Amino acid sequence: CKNAIYLTIEPYDSQDANIALSEKSIDYSSTTDKQAYAFQLDFFKPVMPEVRKSPSGFKVVLKIAKKEKEWWPRLTKERLLLNFLKTDFERWKDEDESDNEDLDPPARAYHSFPPWVT
C-alpha cells in the first residue's frame, strides 16, 4: 500500500502484549504461561509513530501510516529473510492496482509468531 503498512500479529494466548512504535522500528513482546516472545523490525523508511490497533479474535491488526506516501520495495530496512514474516497474498495489491486504496486496504505482511525466548 502506498499510504500505510498493515501488519497482523498472532500472539497465541498472550497475556500482556507490548507494542512500541517509533519512526524507524516496531518492537513487540508478550508472554504466555510457558514462554516469552519478542521481535523487532526496522522499517524500510520512516513511519508515523502512531498506530491503529484492531483486535480480531486471536490476532492484532496494526495500521501504521508511512511518513512519505510511496511504494516500498520491502518492509524492512535490511534485505533479510525472516522466517516468521510472510506476505498475505489474499490482500496484496500491486502498485498499478491502487486506484482507490481506502476501499480494500491490503495487508502487506502477516506475522506468525516465532518461538523466540527472551
N, C-alpha and C. Protein backbone atom coordinates (compact mmCIF):
# COMPACT_ATOMS: atom_id res chain seq x y z
N CYS A 1 0.84 -1.17 0.00
CA CYS A 1 0.00 0.00 0.00
C CYS A 1 0.90 1.25 0.00
N LYS A 2 0.47 2.24 -0.67
CA LYS A 2 1.26 3.45 -0.79
C LYS A 2 1.25 4.29 0.49
N ASN A 3 0.15 4.27 1.24
CA ASN A 3 -0.02 5.15 2.39
C ASN A 3 0.30 4.53 3.74
N ALA A 4 0.20 3.21 3.85
CA ALA A 4 0.31 2.59 5.17
C ALA A 4 0.83 1.16 5.07
N ILE A 5 1.21 0.64 6.23
CA ILE A 5 1.60 -0.76 6.39
C ILE A 5 0.50 -1.42 7.21
N TYR A 6 0.09 -2.59 6.79
CA TYR A 6 -0.87 -3.37 7.56
C TYR A 6 -0.13 -4.60 8.06
N LEU A 7 -0.03 -4.73 9.37
CA LEU A 7 0.74 -5.81 9.97
C LEU A 7 -0.18 -6.59 10.91
N THR A 8 -0.24 -7.89 10.73
CA THR A 8 -1.06 -8.76 11.58
C THR A 8 -0.14 -9.58 12.47
N ILE A 9 -0.43 -9.56 13.76
CA ILE A 9 0.36 -10.33 14.73
C ILE A 9 -0.57 -11.35 15.37
N GLU A 10 -0.12 -12.60 15.40
CA GLU A 10 -0.86 -13.66 16.07
C GLU A 10 -0.09 -14.07 17.31
N PRO A 11 -0.45 -13.53 18.47
CA PRO A 11 0.36 -13.76 19.67
C PRO A 11 0.11 -15.05 20.43
N TYR A 12 -0.82 -15.91 20.03
CA TYR A 12 -1.05 -17.20 20.69
C TYR A 12 -1.13 -17.09 22.22
N ASP A 13 -2.28 -16.98 22.77
CA ASP A 13 -2.50 -16.98 24.22
C ASP A 13 -1.67 -15.95 24.97
N SER A 14 -1.43 -14.82 24.37
CA SER A 14 -0.64 -13.77 25.01
C SER A 14 -1.40 -13.15 26.16
N GLN A 15 -0.69 -12.88 27.24
CA GLN A 15 -1.33 -12.29 28.41
C GLN A 15 -1.05 -10.80 28.53
N ASP A 16 0.10 -10.37 28.16
CA ASP A 16 0.42 -8.94 28.27
C ASP A 16 1.31 -8.52 27.10
N ALA A 17 0.67 -8.16 26.01
CA ALA A 17 1.41 -7.77 24.81
C ALA A 17 1.79 -6.30 24.90
N ASN A 18 3.02 -6.01 24.49
CA ASN A 18 3.52 -4.63 24.45
C ASN A 18 3.99 -4.32 23.04
N ILE A 19 3.51 -3.20 22.50
CA ILE A 19 3.92 -2.75 21.18
C ILE A 19 4.51 -1.36 21.32
N ALA A 20 5.76 -1.21 20.90
CA ALA A 20 6.43 0.10 20.92
C ALA A 20 6.77 0.46 19.48
N LEU A 21 6.25 1.59 19.03
CA LEU A 21 6.45 2.02 17.66
C LEU A 21 7.21 3.34 17.64
N SER A 22 8.24 3.41 16.83
CA SER A 22 8.96 4.66 16.60
C SER A 22 8.95 4.93 15.10
N GLU A 23 9.55 6.01 14.68
CA GLU A 23 9.60 6.34 13.25
C GLU A 23 10.37 5.29 12.45
N LYS A 24 11.30 4.62 13.11
CA LYS A 24 12.19 3.71 12.40
C LYS A 24 11.91 2.24 12.62
N SER A 25 11.19 1.88 13.70
CA SER A 25 11.05 0.45 14.00
C SER A 25 9.81 0.16 14.83
N ILE A 26 9.53 -1.14 14.95
CA ILE A 26 8.48 -1.64 15.83
C ILE A 26 9.09 -2.73 16.71
N ASP A 27 8.76 -2.68 18.00
CA ASP A 27 9.19 -3.69 18.96
C ASP A 27 7.93 -4.31 19.55
N TYR A 28 7.91 -5.63 19.61
CA TYR A 28 6.77 -6.34 20.16
C TYR A 28 7.28 -7.36 21.18
N SER A 29 6.56 -7.46 22.28
CA SER A 29 6.87 -8.50 23.26
C SER A 29 5.59 -8.94 23.94
N SER A 30 5.55 -10.20 24.34
CA SER A 30 4.41 -10.74 25.08
C SER A 30 4.86 -11.99 25.82
N THR A 31 4.02 -12.43 26.72
CA THR A 31 4.32 -13.66 27.47
C THR A 31 3.10 -14.56 27.46
N THR A 32 3.36 -15.83 27.63
CA THR A 32 2.30 -16.83 27.84
C THR A 32 2.61 -17.49 29.18
N ASP A 33 1.87 -18.51 29.51
CA ASP A 33 2.14 -19.23 30.76
C ASP A 33 3.52 -19.87 30.75
N LYS A 34 4.00 -20.27 29.58
CA LYS A 34 5.24 -21.04 29.50
C LYS A 34 6.43 -20.27 28.93
N GLN A 35 6.20 -19.19 28.18
CA GLN A 35 7.29 -18.61 27.41
C GLN A 35 7.10 -17.11 27.18
N ALA A 36 8.21 -16.44 26.90
CA ALA A 36 8.18 -15.03 26.49
C ALA A 36 8.55 -14.95 25.02
N TYR A 37 7.91 -14.04 24.29
CA TYR A 37 8.14 -13.85 22.86
C TYR A 37 8.49 -12.40 22.59
N ALA A 38 9.28 -12.18 21.52
CA ALA A 38 9.62 -10.80 21.15
C ALA A 38 10.13 -10.76 19.71
N PHE A 39 9.91 -9.62 19.07
CA PHE A 39 10.53 -9.35 17.78
C PHE A 39 10.73 -7.86 17.64
N GLN A 40 11.65 -7.50 16.76
CA GLN A 40 11.94 -6.09 16.46
C GLN A 40 12.19 -6.00 14.96
N LEU A 41 11.53 -5.04 14.30
CA LEU A 41 11.72 -4.82 12.87
C LEU A 41 12.12 -3.37 12.63
N ASP A 42 13.14 -3.16 11.81
CA ASP A 42 13.50 -1.82 11.36
C ASP A 42 12.83 -1.60 10.01
N PHE A 43 12.01 -0.55 9.89
CA PHE A 43 11.26 -0.29 8.67
C PHE A 43 12.17 0.21 7.55
N PHE A 44 11.73 0.00 6.31
CA PHE A 44 12.47 0.43 5.13
C PHE A 44 12.67 1.95 5.14
N LYS A 45 11.63 2.69 5.48
CA LYS A 45 11.67 4.16 5.58
C LYS A 45 10.86 4.58 6.81
N PRO A 46 10.95 5.86 7.21
CA PRO A 46 10.22 6.30 8.40
C PRO A 46 8.70 6.17 8.28
N VAL A 47 8.09 5.93 9.43
CA VAL A 47 6.62 5.85 9.55
C VAL A 47 6.17 6.86 10.60
N MET A 48 4.88 7.09 10.64
CA MET A 48 4.31 7.93 11.69
C MET A 48 4.26 7.07 12.97
N PRO A 49 4.71 7.61 14.10
CA PRO A 49 4.79 6.77 15.30
C PRO A 49 3.46 6.52 16.01
N GLU A 50 2.35 6.73 15.33
CA GLU A 50 1.05 6.36 15.89
C GLU A 50 0.58 5.10 15.18
N VAL A 51 -0.15 4.27 15.90
CA VAL A 51 -0.63 3.01 15.34
C VAL A 51 -2.10 2.86 15.64
N ARG A 52 -2.84 2.32 14.68
CA ARG A 52 -4.25 1.97 14.91
C ARG A 52 -4.31 0.47 15.10
N LYS A 53 -4.81 0.04 16.27
CA LYS A 53 -4.91 -1.38 16.57
C LYS A 53 -6.36 -1.81 16.35
N SER A 54 -6.50 -3.00 15.86
CA SER A 54 -7.81 -3.55 15.61
C SER A 54 -7.79 -5.02 16.00
N PRO A 55 -8.16 -5.34 17.26
CA PRO A 55 -8.15 -6.74 17.67
C PRO A 55 -9.17 -7.54 16.86
N SER A 56 -8.76 -8.71 16.44
CA SER A 56 -9.61 -9.56 15.61
C SER A 56 -9.45 -11.00 16.08
N GLY A 57 -10.19 -11.38 17.09
CA GLY A 57 -10.07 -12.73 17.62
C GLY A 57 -8.73 -12.93 18.28
N PHE A 58 -7.95 -13.87 17.76
CA PHE A 58 -6.63 -14.16 18.30
C PHE A 58 -5.53 -13.34 17.63
N LYS A 59 -5.91 -12.38 16.79
CA LYS A 59 -4.93 -11.58 16.07
C LYS A 59 -5.02 -10.11 16.48
N VAL A 60 -3.96 -9.39 16.23
CA VAL A 60 -3.95 -7.94 16.37
C VAL A 60 -3.54 -7.40 15.00
N VAL A 61 -4.40 -6.58 14.40
CA VAL A 61 -4.11 -5.99 13.10
C VAL A 61 -3.70 -4.54 13.33
N LEU A 62 -2.52 -4.19 12.84
CA LEU A 62 -2.00 -2.83 13.02
C LEU A 62 -2.00 -2.10 11.69
N LYS A 63 -2.42 -0.84 11.73
CA LYS A 63 -2.30 0.03 10.56
C LYS A 63 -1.31 1.12 10.95
N ILE A 64 -0.18 1.16 10.23
CA ILE A 64 0.90 2.10 10.52
C ILE A 64 1.07 3.00 9.30
N ALA A 65 0.83 4.29 9.47
CA ALA A 65 0.92 5.23 8.35
C ALA A 65 2.38 5.51 8.00
N LYS A 66 2.66 5.55 6.70
CA LYS A 66 4.00 5.89 6.23
C LYS A 66 4.17 7.40 6.26
N LYS A 67 5.36 7.88 6.57
CA LYS A 67 5.64 9.32 6.56
C LYS A 67 5.56 9.88 5.15
N GLU A 68 6.17 9.18 4.21
CA GLU A 68 6.12 9.56 2.80
C GLU A 68 5.23 8.56 2.08
N LYS A 69 4.24 9.06 1.37
CA LYS A 69 3.30 8.19 0.68
C LYS A 69 3.93 7.69 -0.61
N GLU A 70 4.57 6.52 -0.51
CA GLU A 70 5.22 5.91 -1.66
C GLU A 70 5.29 4.41 -1.48
N TRP A 71 5.47 3.70 -2.59
CA TRP A 71 5.60 2.25 -2.55
C TRP A 71 6.99 1.87 -2.07
N TRP A 72 7.05 0.87 -1.22
CA TRP A 72 8.32 0.36 -0.72
C TRP A 72 8.63 -0.96 -1.43
N PRO A 73 9.89 -1.20 -1.72
CA PRO A 73 10.24 -2.50 -2.33
C PRO A 73 10.19 -3.65 -1.33
N ARG A 74 10.24 -3.32 -0.03
CA ARG A 74 10.18 -4.33 1.03
C ARG A 74 9.78 -3.65 2.34
N LEU A 75 9.47 -4.42 3.34
CA LEU A 75 9.05 -3.90 4.64
C LEU A 75 10.22 -3.45 5.50
N THR A 76 11.29 -4.20 5.48
CA THR A 76 12.40 -3.95 6.39
C THR A 76 13.55 -3.18 5.73
N LYS A 77 14.33 -2.53 6.57
CA LYS A 77 15.47 -1.75 6.11
C LYS A 77 16.51 -2.64 5.43
N GLU A 78 16.85 -3.72 6.08
CA GLU A 78 17.83 -4.67 5.56
C GLU A 78 17.14 -5.70 4.67
N ARG A 79 17.86 -6.21 3.72
CA ARG A 79 17.35 -7.30 2.88
C ARG A 79 17.56 -8.61 3.63
N LEU A 80 16.62 -8.94 4.49
CA LEU A 80 16.71 -10.14 5.30
C LEU A 80 15.57 -11.09 4.99
N LEU A 81 15.83 -12.35 5.10
CA LEU A 81 14.78 -13.35 5.01
C LEU A 81 14.42 -13.74 6.44
N LEU A 82 13.28 -13.26 6.90
CA LEU A 82 12.83 -13.53 8.27
C LEU A 82 11.80 -14.65 8.21
N ASN A 83 12.12 -15.79 8.81
CA ASN A 83 11.26 -16.96 8.69
C ASN A 83 9.91 -16.80 9.39
N PHE A 84 9.75 -15.82 10.24
CA PHE A 84 8.49 -15.61 10.94
C PHE A 84 7.61 -14.55 10.26
N LEU A 85 8.08 -13.96 9.17
CA LEU A 85 7.36 -12.89 8.50
C LEU A 85 6.97 -13.35 7.10
N LYS A 86 5.70 -13.21 6.77
CA LYS A 86 5.28 -13.61 5.43
C LYS A 86 4.24 -12.63 4.88
N THR A 87 4.09 -12.63 3.59
CA THR A 87 3.15 -11.75 2.90
C THR A 87 1.78 -12.39 2.86
N ASP A 88 0.75 -11.58 3.07
CA ASP A 88 -0.63 -12.04 2.96
C ASP A 88 -1.08 -11.77 1.52
N PHE A 89 -0.93 -12.75 0.63
CA PHE A 89 -1.21 -12.56 -0.79
C PHE A 89 -2.70 -12.42 -1.09
N GLU A 90 -3.57 -12.82 -0.17
CA GLU A 90 -5.00 -12.63 -0.38
C GLU A 90 -5.37 -11.15 -0.36
N ARG A 91 -4.58 -10.33 0.29
CA ARG A 91 -4.87 -8.90 0.40
C ARG A 91 -3.81 -8.04 -0.30
N TRP A 92 -2.92 -8.65 -1.00
CA TRP A 92 -1.83 -7.95 -1.69
C TRP A 92 -2.36 -7.08 -2.81
N LYS A 93 -1.77 -5.90 -2.98
CA LYS A 93 -2.06 -5.04 -4.11
C LYS A 93 -0.75 -4.63 -4.75
N ASP A 94 -0.70 -4.72 -6.06
CA ASP A 94 0.44 -4.21 -6.80
C ASP A 94 0.28 -2.71 -6.97
N GLU A 95 1.35 -2.06 -7.32
CA GLU A 95 1.35 -0.61 -7.48
C GLU A 95 0.32 -0.15 -8.51
N ASP A 96 0.13 -0.90 -9.59
CA ASP A 96 -0.82 -0.49 -10.63
C ASP A 96 -2.27 -0.80 -10.28
N GLU A 97 -2.54 -1.48 -9.16
CA GLU A 97 -3.91 -1.78 -8.73
C GLU A 97 -4.43 -0.81 -7.69
N SER A 98 -3.72 0.24 -7.41
CA SER A 98 -4.04 1.09 -6.27
C SER A 98 -4.87 2.31 -6.61
N ASP A 99 -5.86 2.20 -7.45
CA ASP A 99 -6.69 3.34 -7.79
C ASP A 99 -7.39 3.94 -6.58
N ASN A 100 -7.97 3.10 -5.74
CA ASN A 100 -8.61 3.58 -4.53
C ASN A 100 -8.25 2.66 -3.37
N GLU A 101 -7.20 2.98 -2.64
CA GLU A 101 -6.68 2.13 -1.57
C GLU A 101 -7.61 2.04 -0.37
N ASP A 102 -8.46 3.03 -0.16
CA ASP A 102 -9.30 3.04 1.03
C ASP A 102 -10.46 2.04 0.96
N LEU A 103 -10.82 1.58 -0.24
CA LEU A 103 -11.92 0.65 -0.35
C LEU A 103 -11.57 -0.74 0.18
N ASP A 104 -10.38 -1.20 -0.11
CA ASP A 104 -9.96 -2.53 0.33
C ASP A 104 -8.50 -2.46 0.75
N PRO A 105 -8.23 -2.04 2.00
CA PRO A 105 -6.83 -1.89 2.41
C PRO A 105 -6.10 -3.22 2.46
N PRO A 106 -4.95 -3.31 1.83
CA PRO A 106 -4.22 -4.57 1.81
C PRO A 106 -3.40 -4.79 3.07
N ALA A 107 -3.20 -6.00 3.41
CA ALA A 107 -2.27 -6.35 4.48
C ALA A 107 -0.96 -6.71 3.80
N ARG A 108 0.04 -5.93 3.99
CA ARG A 108 1.30 -6.14 3.30
C ARG A 108 2.14 -7.23 3.94
N ALA A 109 1.96 -7.48 5.21
CA ALA A 109 2.75 -8.52 5.86
C ALA A 109 1.90 -9.20 6.92
N TYR A 110 2.20 -10.44 7.14
CA TYR A 110 1.46 -11.26 8.09
C TYR A 110 2.50 -11.88 9.01
N HIS A 111 2.34 -11.67 10.30
CA HIS A 111 3.34 -12.11 11.24
C HIS A 111 2.85 -13.35 11.98
N SER A 112 3.53 -14.44 11.83
CA SER A 112 3.26 -15.65 12.57
C SER A 112 4.36 -15.75 13.63
N PHE A 113 4.00 -15.75 14.88
CA PHE A 113 4.96 -15.56 15.95
C PHE A 113 6.03 -16.64 16.03
N PRO A 114 7.29 -16.25 16.06
CA PRO A 114 8.39 -17.22 16.17
C PRO A 114 8.57 -17.69 17.61
N PRO A 115 9.13 -18.84 17.81
CA PRO A 115 9.34 -19.32 19.18
C PRO A 115 10.63 -18.76 19.78
N TRP A 116 10.75 -17.45 19.83
CA TRP A 116 11.93 -16.84 20.44
C TRP A 116 11.71 -16.65 21.91
N VAL A 117 12.63 -17.05 22.68
CA VAL A 117 12.54 -16.87 24.13
C VAL A 117 13.38 -15.65 24.49
N THR A 118 12.79 -14.76 25.25
CA THR A 118 13.53 -13.56 25.66
C THR A 118 13.97 -13.68 27.09
